[in-house]
């Protein structure tokens, strides 16, 4: 299936340069180039568009206004900013409507890689209704308690990066949005950042305040609607325990941090379902309560897709590091990725399974059926002999976390 990409910039030479640069992709992508937001909206009215790449500073209709209208017209469209905008305030205003922020001039290969990845992610979900749900999300739900703690921490006289990071790590939504921001090209980080402390240091406390404020002010209108069955506190506890377990499986610091982040956000799709499809999630809860199948198996039966793919789709178009997205998408089905070595995906799969086994938190109001660990997959990695060691680590984590039952 040929994907259509719409480029919007008021400078003709920029569009000519993009057309020339991407000429080898013409047989793969259908690319359209226009000079204004009005022309872009006319294209959207006339034909299906998969990706919009827009400048921020344009006359009559700026990029933020355009992308907001694009989201209203078709929330399934992946929205990317390509801009030389130096204004931090204007850039932050784009965070809530853009999935990724790329800078001008864009380094060789970066734009192509981002577009190629966005096209691939468009194929992750076949269900257009769920694509629409994911596309409508500007920010993930944030626990008010954690938000209050974050603002209090930032107001302390001797606040440190580690102190702020410890608060952020209690909430997967804030972590996801923070990583989205720091990995955008606006901040010109030379490599992917998946460590929360490092992200805090790159952004700075003032930027974090602005970013969190933007997320709260522009939160999506369905914040008041949520599934009556899903316990966000139980989900948060499960995610944090899984993250601690996954991190302890590695000795190398970078792997530990990446595993922590991936496990912390691995169930973010459940939050999306709770806020955007509460009735559907309630129907899943009824089936889960009446049988012995785990939540993701019931979702697969009812929708042909699970919370894992839904969460990964959002995190992917937000530009989080690929190993994190891959782990989230496949944490219930790691065998979909050819096993080569024990990596982030394998750690999240094991950590999630052990956390479910040892601390059966009532995320849907009942003691859940425990998802089966894929022993064939782990056997292919040659790590079966380490399962008991990891189970002991998991027992330590569940015992150390208040309110968990083992």
Protein backbone atom coordinates (compact mmCIF):
# COMPACT_ATOMS: atom_id res chain seq x y z
CA UNK A 1 0.00 0.00 0.00
CA UNK A 2 1.43 3.36 -1.07
CA UNK A 3 1.48 5.95 1.72
CA UNK A 4 0.76 9.62 1.00
CA UNK A 5 2.94 12.23 2.73
CA UNK A 6 1.98 15.92 2.70
CA UNK A 7 4.73 18.56 3.15
CA UNK A 8 3.70 22.11 4.12
CA UNK A 9 6.06 25.11 4.10
CA UNK A 10 5.62 28.71 3.00
CA UNK A 11 9.17 28.83 1.55
CA UNK A 12 9.21 27.42 -2.02
CA UNK A 13 12.94 26.73 -1.91
CA UNK A 14 12.47 24.52 1.16
CA UNK A 15 9.82 22.47 -0.63
CA UNK A 16 12.00 22.22 -3.73
CA UNK A 17 14.89 21.02 -1.60
CA UNK A 18 12.72 18.39 0.07
CA UNK A 19 11.36 17.20 -3.27
CA UNK A 20 14.87 16.85 -4.64
CA UNK A 21 16.19 15.18 -1.50
CA UNK A 22 13.40 12.60 -1.42
CA UNK A 23 13.30 11.88 -5.15
CA UNK A 24 14.49 8.27 -4.72
CA UNK A 25 11.43 7.59 -2.54
CA UNK A 26 8.93 8.60 -5.23
CA UNK A 27 8.26 4.99 -6.20
CA UNK A 28 7.60 4.11 -2.55
CA UNK A 29 5.69 7.15 -1.25
CA UNK A 30 3.14 9.47 -2.84
CA UNK A 31 4.45 12.92 -1.83
CA UNK A 32 2.53 16.20 -2.08
CA UNK A 33 4.11 19.64 -1.51
CA UNK A 34 2.05 22.78 -0.71
CA UNK A 35 2.83 26.34 0.40
CA UNK A 36 0.19 27.06 3.04
CA UNK A 37 -2.06 25.62 5.69
CA UNK A 38 -5.12 26.41 3.59
CA UNK A 39 -3.76 24.37 0.66
CA UNK A 40 -2.90 21.54 3.06
CA UNK A 41 -6.46 21.39 4.42
CA UNK A 42 -7.79 21.35 0.85
CA UNK A 43 -5.62 18.32 0.11
CA UNK A 44 -6.93 16.60 3.24
CA UNK A 45 -10.51 17.30 2.12
CA UNK A 46 -9.85 15.76 -1.29
CA UNK A 47 -7.79 12.66 -0.48
CA UNK A 48 -6.43 10.39 2.25
CA UNK A 49 -3.15 11.50 3.80
CA UNK A 50 -1.05 9.31 6.09
CA UNK A 51 1.61 11.79 7.29
CA UNK A 52 1.76 15.58 7.45
CA UNK A 53 5.14 17.33 7.75
CA UNK A 54 4.70 21.03 8.51
CA UNK A 55 6.75 24.11 9.35
CA UNK A 56 5.81 25.99 12.53
CA UNK A 57 6.25 29.63 11.47
CA UNK A 58 3.94 30.28 8.49
CA UNK A 59 1.78 33.36 7.67
CA UNK A 60 -2.03 33.34 8.11
CA UNK A 61 -2.07 29.80 9.56
CA UNK A 62 0.91 28.63 11.61
CA UNK A 63 1.98 25.03 11.99
CA UNK A 64 0.36 24.48 15.40
CA UNK A 65 -3.03 25.67 14.12
CA UNK A 66 -2.69 23.54 11.01
CA UNK A 67 -1.77 20.38 12.90
CA UNK A 68 -4.61 20.95 15.35
CA UNK A 69 -7.02 21.11 12.40
CA UNK A 70 -5.40 18.00 10.90
CA UNK A 71 -6.00 16.14 14.15
CA UNK A 72 -9.64 17.21 14.12
CA UNK A 73 -10.14 16.15 10.50
CA UNK A 74 -8.40 12.80 10.73
CA UNK A 75 -6.67 11.83 13.99
CA UNK A 76 -5.05 8.83 12.28
CA UNK A 77 -2.65 11.14 10.41
CA UNK A 78 0.90 11.12 11.81
CA UNK A 79 1.83 14.76 12.49
CA UNK A 80 5.48 15.86 12.22
CA UNK A 81 6.99 19.33 12.66
CA UNK A 82 10.01 20.21 10.49
CA UNK A 83 11.07 23.67 11.57
CA UNK A 84 13.98 25.98 12.34
CA UNK A 85 11.87 27.65 15.05
CA UNK A 86 14.21 28.87 17.84
CA UNK A 87 11.40 29.92 20.19
CA UNK A 88 11.05 27.42 23.05
CA UNK A 89 7.52 28.55 23.93
CA UNK A 90 6.30 28.06 20.37
CA UNK A 91 8.05 24.70 20.14
CA UNK A 92 6.43 23.49 23.37
CA UNK A 93 3.03 24.53 22.03
CA UNK A 94 3.59 22.02 19.22
CA UNK A 95 4.21 19.13 21.62
CA UNK A 96 0.52 18.56 22.21
CA UNK A 97 -0.40 18.37 18.49
CA UNK A 98 2.77 16.97 16.89
CA UNK A 99 4.02 13.42 17.23
CA UNK A 100 7.61 14.39 16.40
CA UNK A 101 9.67 17.58 16.09
CA UNK A 102 12.51 17.70 13.55
CA UNK A 103 14.83 20.65 13.07
CA UNK A 104 15.89 22.54 9.95
CA UNK A 105 18.28 21.82 8.46
CA UNK A 106 17.65 18.13 9.06
CA UNK A 107 20.75 15.92 9.06
CA UNK A 108 21.18 13.54 6.14
CA UNK A 109 19.12 10.40 6.60
CA UNK A 110 17.25 11.60 9.70
CA UNK A 111 14.10 12.78 7.93
CA UNK A 112 14.05 9.70 5.73
CA UNK A 113 14.44 7.40 8.74
CA UNK A 114 11.65 9.16 10.63
CA UNK A 115 9.28 8.98 7.66
CA UNK A 116 10.14 5.36 6.96
CA UNK A 117 9.51 4.46 10.59
CA UNK A 118 6.25 6.40 10.66
CA UNK A 119 5.07 4.55 7.55
CA UNK A 120 5.97 1.22 9.16
CA UNK A 121 4.14 2.15 12.36
CA UNK A 122 1.04 3.01 10.34
CA UNK A 123 0.85 -0.70 9.56
CA UNK A 124 1.09 -1.77 13.18
CA UNK A 125 -2.64 -1.42 13.76
CA UNK A 126 -5.09 -2.62 11.16
CA UNK A 127 -8.11 -1.36 13.05
CA UNK A 128 -8.90 2.22 11.90
CA UNK A 129 -11.05 2.90 14.98
CA UNK A 130 -8.14 2.20 17.31
CA UNK A 131 -5.82 4.22 15.07
CA UNK A 132 -8.21 7.12 15.51
CA UNK A 133 -8.22 6.70 19.27
CA UNK A 134 -4.43 6.75 19.48
CA UNK A 135 -4.17 9.71 17.13
CA UNK A 136 -6.49 11.83 19.28
CA UNK A 137 -4.22 11.60 22.31
CA UNK A 138 -2.12 14.69 22.90
CA UNK A 139 -1.04 13.66 26.40
CA UNK A 140 -1.47 10.56 28.50
CA UNK A 141 -3.40 10.67 31.77
CA UNK A 142 -1.26 11.76 34.71
CA UNK A 143 -1.93 10.79 38.31
CA UNK A 144 -2.81 14.02 40.16
CA UNK A 145 -0.86 12.85 43.21
CA UNK A 146 2.35 12.48 41.21
CA UNK A 147 1.81 15.75 39.38
CA UNK A 148 1.47 17.56 42.71
CA UNK A 149 4.64 15.89 43.99
CA UNK A 150 6.53 16.92 40.86
CA UNK A 151 5.58 20.58 41.15
CA UNK A 152 6.44 20.56 44.87
CA UNK A 153 9.82 18.99 44.12
CA UNK A 154 10.59 21.54 41.42
CA UNK A 155 9.78 24.30 43.92
CA UNK A 156 12.40 23.13 46.41
CA UNK A 157 15.46 25.32 46.87
CA UNK A 158 18.00 22.49 46.52
CA UNK A 159 16.18 20.40 43.93
CA UNK A 160 18.35 17.91 42.02
CA UNK A 161 18.00 16.00 38.76
CA UNK A 162 17.90 12.75 40.71
CA UNK A 163 15.15 14.07 42.97
CA UNK A 164 12.98 15.15 40.05
CA UNK A 165 13.66 11.87 38.24
CA UNK A 166 12.52 9.84 41.25
CA UNK A 167 9.17 11.63 41.20
CA UNK A 168 8.78 11.25 37.43
CA UNK A 169 9.50 7.53 37.61
CA UNK A 170 6.32 7.06 39.61
CA UNK A 171 4.23 7.99 36.57
CA UNK A 172 4.53 6.35 33.15
CA UNK A 173 2.62 9.17 31.42
CA UNK A 174 4.98 11.92 32.54
CA UNK A 175 7.98 9.74 31.68
CA UNK A 176 6.64 9.12 28.18
CA UNK A 177 5.98 12.81 27.50
CA UNK A 178 9.36 13.82 28.93
CA UNK A 179 11.17 11.32 26.71
CA UNK A 180 9.14 12.46 23.72
CA UNK A 181 10.32 16.02 24.29
CA UNK A 182 14.00 15.30 24.92
CA UNK A 183 14.22 13.00 21.88
CA UNK A 184 12.74 15.66 19.58
CA UNK A 185 15.18 17.43 17.31
CA UNK A 186 14.39 20.79 18.91
CA UNK A 187 16.72 19.95 21.78
CA UNK A 188 19.40 18.72 19.35
CA UNK A 189 20.44 15.70 21.41
CA UNK A 190 23.00 13.75 19.42
CA UNK A 191 21.66 10.32 20.46
CA UNK A 192 18.49 8.71 21.76
CA UNK A 193 17.86 9.37 25.45
CA UNK A 194 16.02 6.73 27.46
CA UNK A 195 17.35 7.58 30.94
CA UNK A 196 15.03 9.79 32.95
CA UNK A 197 17.82 11.52 34.93
CA UNK A 198 19.62 12.34 31.68
CA UNK A 199 16.41 13.71 30.16
CA UNK A 200 15.90 15.96 33.19
CA UNK A 201 19.46 17.26 32.88
CA UNK A 202 19.05 17.97 29.15
CA UNK A 203 15.72 19.77 29.48
CA UNK A 204 16.32 21.69 32.69
CA UNK A 205 13.83 22.37 35.45
CA UNK A 206 12.20 25.40 33.83
CA UNK A 207 11.50 23.51 30.62
CA UNK A 208 10.05 20.63 32.60
CA UNK A 209 7.68 23.04 34.35
CA UNK A 210 6.55 24.45 31.00
CA UNK A 211 6.21 21.03 29.44
CA UNK A 212 4.10 19.62 32.28
CA UNK A 213 1.98 22.77 32.29
CA UNK A 214 1.40 22.42 28.52
CA UNK A 215 0.41 18.80 28.95
CA UNK A 216 -2.12 19.72 31.66
CA UNK A 217 -3.56 22.78 29.89
CA UNK A 218 -4.02 20.98 26.58
CA UNK A 219 -5.08 17.62 28.01
CA UNK A 220 -7.62 15.83 25.82
CA UNK A 221 -11.32 16.41 26.51
CA UNK A 222 -12.05 12.85 27.60
CA UNK A 223 -10.12 13.17 30.87
CA UNK A 224 -13.40 12.91 32.75
CA UNK A 225 -14.44 9.67 31.05
CA UNK A 226 -12.70 6.53 32.14
CA UNK A 227 -13.32 2.85 32.65
CA UNK A 228 -14.92 2.12 36.00
CA UNK A 229 -13.13 -1.22 36.03
CA UNK A 230 -9.48 -0.19 35.68
CA UNK A 231 -7.53 0.75 38.82
CA UNK A 232 -4.86 3.26 37.81
CA UNK A 233 -3.13 2.88 41.17
CA UNK A 234 -2.88 -0.90 40.72
CA UNK A 235 -1.64 -0.43 37.16
CA UNK A 236 0.95 2.08 38.35
CA UNK A 237 2.20 -0.28 41.05
CA UNK A 238 2.47 -3.14 38.58
CA UNK A 239 4.39 -0.97 36.12
CA UNK A 240 6.84 0.29 38.73
CA UNK A 241 7.50 -3.21 40.11
CA UNK A 242 8.00 -4.55 36.57
CA UNK A 243 10.42 -1.70 35.84
CA UNK A 244 12.50 -2.40 38.95
CA UNK A 245 12.64 -6.12 38.14
CA UNK A 246 13.64 -5.54 34.51
CA UNK A 247 16.38 -3.07 35.43
CA UNK A 248 17.99 -5.53 37.86
CA UNK A 249 18.45 -8.11 35.11
CA UNK A 250 21.31 -6.11 33.58
CA UNK A 251 24.69 -5.00 34.88
CA UNK A 252 25.40 -2.44 32.16
CA UNK A 253 24.02 0.95 33.21
CA UNK A 254 22.53 1.92 29.83
CA UNK A 255 20.69 -1.38 29.51
CA UNK A 256 19.41 -1.07 33.07
CA UNK A 257 17.97 2.37 32.37
CA UNK A 258 16.43 1.36 29.03
CA UNK A 259 14.88 -1.74 30.58
CA UNK A 260 13.45 0.35 33.41
CA UNK A 261 11.82 2.83 31.01
CA UNK A 262 10.43 0.12 28.70
CA UNK A 263 8.91 -1.81 31.59
CA UNK A 264 7.56 1.38 33.19
CA UNK A 265 5.53 2.23 30.06
CA UNK A 266 4.80 -1.32 28.85
CA UNK A 267 1.11 -1.12 29.83
CA UNK A 268 0.49 2.44 28.70
CA UNK A 269 -2.05 1.09 26.21
CA UNK A 270 -4.32 0.18 29.12
CA UNK A 271 -4.46 3.85 30.11
CA UNK A 272 -5.49 4.78 26.58
CA UNK A 273 -8.24 2.18 26.58
CA UNK A 274 -9.49 3.32 29.98
CA UNK A 275 -9.85 6.95 28.87
CA UNK A 276 -10.76 6.56 25.18
CA UNK A 277 -12.72 3.29 25.03
CA UNK A 278 -14.05 2.86 28.56
CA UNK A 279 -17.11 0.85 27.52
CA UNK A 280 -15.01 -1.52 25.42
CA UNK A 281 -12.54 -2.00 28.26
CA UNK A 282 -15.42 -2.69 30.64
CA UNK A 283 -16.59 -5.40 28.23
CA UNK A 284 -13.12 -6.93 28.34
CA UNK A 285 -13.25 -6.87 32.14
CA UNK A 286 -16.52 -8.84 32.10
CA UNK A 287 -14.95 -11.59 29.97
CA UNK A 288 -11.79 -11.65 32.10
CA UNK A 289 -13.86 -12.06 35.25
CA UNK A 290 -15.91 -14.87 33.77
CA UNK A 291 -12.98 -16.97 32.55
CA UNK A 292 -9.34 -17.78 33.06
CA UNK A 293 -7.73 -15.89 30.18
CA UNK A 294 -5.47 -12.86 30.63
CA UNK A 295 -6.54 -9.42 29.49
CA UNK A 296 -4.45 -9.32 26.31
CA UNK A 297 -5.87 -12.65 25.09
CA UNK A 298 -9.43 -11.35 25.49
CA UNK A 299 -8.55 -8.14 23.65
CA UNK A 300 -7.10 -10.16 20.79
CA UNK A 301 -10.29 -12.18 20.53
CA UNK A 302 -12.58 -9.14 20.61
CA UNK A 303 -10.58 -6.62 18.57
CA UNK A 304 -7.73 -8.42 16.86
CA UNK A 305 -5.29 -6.11 18.65
CA UNK A 306 -4.14 -5.66 22.25
CA UNK A 307 -3.16 -2.89 24.63
CA UNK A 308 0.49 -3.74 23.86
CA UNK A 309 0.26 -2.73 20.19
CA UNK A 310 -1.89 0.30 21.01
CA UNK A 311 0.63 1.62 23.51
CA UNK A 312 3.58 0.89 21.23
CA UNK A 313 1.94 2.72 18.34
CA UNK A 314 1.63 5.91 20.35
CA UNK A 315 5.12 5.71 21.82
CA UNK A 316 6.53 4.94 18.39
CA UNK A 317 5.06 7.95 16.65
CA UNK A 318 6.19 10.04 19.61
CA UNK A 319 9.72 9.05 18.68
CA UNK A 320 10.75 7.05 21.75
CA UNK A 321 13.82 4.83 21.23
CA UNK A 322 13.07 1.81 19.06
CA UNK A 323 14.06 -0.84 21.68
CA UNK A 324 11.47 0.65 24.06
CA UNK A 325 8.72 0.64 21.41
CA UNK A 326 9.61 -2.90 20.34
CA UNK A 327 9.49 -4.15 23.92
CA UNK A 328 6.11 -2.53 24.58
CA UNK A 329 4.60 -3.91 21.37
CA UNK A 330 5.76 -7.46 21.94
CA UNK A 331 5.93 -7.94 25.71
CA UNK A 332 3.15 -10.55 25.56
CA UNK A 333 4.43 -12.15 22.33
CA UNK A 334 8.24 -11.86 22.27
CA UNK A 335 8.48 -14.71 19.76
CA UNK A 336 7.31 -12.27 17.06
CA UNK A 337 10.86 -10.89 17.17
CA UNK A 338 13.62 -13.29 16.16
CA UNK A 339 15.58 -14.09 19.33
CA UNK A 340 19.28 -13.18 19.17
CA UNK A 341 20.31 -12.29 22.71
CA UNK A 342 18.75 -11.41 26.04
CA UNK A 343 17.71 -7.81 25.49
CA UNK A 344 15.19 -5.17 26.58
CA UNK A 345 12.23 -7.03 25.07
CA UNK A 346 13.11 -10.27 26.84
CA UNK A 347 13.61 -8.47 30.15
CA UNK A 348 10.23 -6.72 29.95
CA UNK A 349 8.51 -10.00 29.03
CA UNK A 350 10.02 -11.78 32.03
CA UNK A 351 9.53 -8.85 34.42
CA UNK A 352 5.87 -8.40 33.47
CA UNK A 353 5.23 -12.14 33.87
CA UNK A 354 6.95 -12.32 37.26
CA UNK A 355 5.23 -9.18 38.54
CA UNK A 356 1.85 -10.63 37.54
CA UNK A 357 2.73 -13.96 39.12
CA UNK A 358 4.04 -12.66 42.45
CA UNK A 359 1.94 -9.52 42.93
CA UNK A 360 -1.45 -10.18 41.42
CA UNK A 361 -2.78 -6.64 41.53
CA UNK A 362 -6.48 -6.18 40.70
CA UNK A 363 -5.95 -3.87 37.72
CA UNK A 364 -9.41 -4.76 36.37
CA UNK A 365 -10.97 -5.18 39.79
CA UNK A 366 -10.22 -8.90 40.03
CA UNK A 367 -7.17 -11.08 40.59
CA UNK A 368 -5.90 -11.44 37.02
CA UNK A 369 -5.08 -14.59 35.13
CA UNK A 370 -1.29 -14.70 34.90
CA UNK A 371 0.05 -14.34 31.33
CA UNK A 372 2.18 -17.30 30.39
CA UNK A 373 5.92 -16.81 30.14
CA UNK A 374 7.26 -17.98 26.78
CA UNK A 375 9.74 -20.64 27.86
CA UNK A 376 10.51 -21.69 24.29
CA UNK A 377 11.54 -18.12 23.51
CA UNK A 378 13.70 -17.91 26.62
CA UNK A 379 15.16 -21.31 25.86
CA UNK A 380 16.23 -20.03 22.47
CA UNK A 381 18.08 -17.25 24.25
CA UNK A 382 19.76 -19.73 26.59
CA UNK A 383 18.57 -18.00 29.78
CA UNK A 384 16.20 -20.59 31.25
CA UNK A 385 18.74 -21.31 33.97
CA UNK A 386 18.47 -17.74 35.25
CA UNK A 387 14.72 -17.80 35.89
CA UNK A 388 15.02 -18.74 39.56
CA UNK A 389 17.52 -15.95 40.16
CA UNK A 390 15.16 -13.48 38.51
CA UNK A 391 12.24 -14.83 40.53
CA UNK A 392 14.21 -14.11 43.70
CA UNK A 393 14.83 -10.55 42.48
CA UNK A 394 11.13 -10.21 41.78
CA UNK A 395 10.27 -11.45 45.27
CA UNK A 396 12.56 -8.82 46.75
CA UNK A 397 10.87 -6.10 44.73
CA UNK A 398 7.32 -7.17 45.55
CA UNK A 399 8.20 -7.52 49.23
CA UNK A 400 9.77 -4.05 49.27
CA UNK A 401 6.78 -2.33 47.65
CA UNK A 402 4.03 -1.29 50.12
CA UNK A 403 0.56 -2.62 49.41
CA UNK A 404 1.61 -5.52 47.20
CA UNK A 405 0.41 -9.02 47.91
CA UNK A 406 2.68 -11.88 46.97
